[in-house]
Amino acid sequence: MPQSAFRNQILKALLVSDFALLQPAMRHVELDIKVR
């Protein structure tokens, strides 16, 4: 998945070279949002 497709603002703010170092260890995780 390209860096621009992420909604996580921290990942989007990384330099492309830094993002490339992290990308092999990344996996997509869906989190449930609980609203009270």
C-alpha atoms as a PDB file:
ATOM      1  CA  MET A   1       0.000   0.000   0.000  1.00  0.00           C
ATOM      2  CA  PRO A   2       1.504   3.385  -0.912  1.00  0.00           C
ATOM      3  CA  GLN A   3       2.312   5.850   1.831  1.00  0.00           C
ATOM      4  CA  SER A   4      -0.282   8.328   0.515  1.00  0.00           C
ATOM      5  CA  ALA A   5      -3.074   5.801   1.087  1.00  0.00           C
ATOM      6  CA  PHE A   6      -2.611   5.717   4.862  1.00  0.00           C
ATOM      7  CA  ARG A   7      -4.986   7.687   7.089  1.00  0.00           C
ATOM      8  CA  ASN A   8      -2.442   7.653   9.922  1.00  0.00           C
ATOM      9  CA  GLN A   9      -0.965  11.156   9.918  1.00  0.00           C
ATOM     10  CA  ILE A  10       2.288  10.017  11.559  1.00  0.00           C
ATOM     11  CA  LEU A  11       2.961   7.505   8.787  1.00  0.00           C
ATOM     12  CA  LYS A  12       2.081  10.078   6.137  1.00  0.00           C
ATOM     13  CA  ALA A  13       4.523  12.581   7.685  1.00  0.00           C
ATOM     14  CA  LEU A  14       7.527  10.242   7.468  1.00  0.00           C
ATOM     15  CA  LEU A  15      10.190  10.751   4.865  1.00  0.00           C
ATOM     16  CA  VAL A  16       9.718   8.305   1.991  1.00  0.00           C
ATOM     17  CA  SER A  17      13.028   6.643   2.871  1.00  0.00           C
ATOM     18  CA  ASP A  18      11.991   6.148   6.525  1.00  0.00           C
ATOM     19  CA  PHE A  19       8.584   4.810   5.493  1.00  0.00           C
ATOM     20  CA  ALA A  20      10.290   2.322   3.160  1.00  0.00           C
ATOM     21  CA  LEU A  21      12.306   0.956   6.098  1.00  0.00           C
ATOM     22  CA  LEU A  22       9.146   0.336   8.145  1.00  0.00           C
ATOM     23  CA  GLN A  23       6.895  -0.947   5.381  1.00  0.00           C
ATOM     24  CA  PRO A  24       8.105  -4.600   5.313  1.00  0.00           C
ATOM     25  CA  ALA A  25       7.114  -5.020   8.980  1.00  0.00           C
ATOM     26  CA  MET A  26       3.721  -3.322   8.649  1.00  0.00           C
ATOM     27  CA  ARG A  27       0.386  -5.087   8.447  1.00  0.00           C
ATOM     28  CA  HIS A  28      -3.140  -3.765   8.112  1.00  0.00           C
ATOM     29  CA  VAL A  29      -5.201  -3.881  11.323  1.00  0.00           C
ATOM     30  CA  GLU A  30      -8.880  -2.965  11.611  1.00  0.00           C
ATOM     31  CA  LEU A  31      -9.826  -1.523  14.991  1.00  0.00           C
ATOM     32  CA  ASP A  32     -13.384  -1.299  16.279  1.00  0.00           C
ATOM     33  CA  ILE A  33     -14.387   2.131  17.511  1.00  0.00           C
ATOM     34  CA  LYS A  34     -16.648   2.077  20.529  1.00  0.00           C
ATOM     35  CA  VAL A  35     -18.783   5.157  21.037  1.00  0.00           C
ATOM     36  CA  ARG A  36     -20.522   5.651  24.338  1.00  0.00           C
END
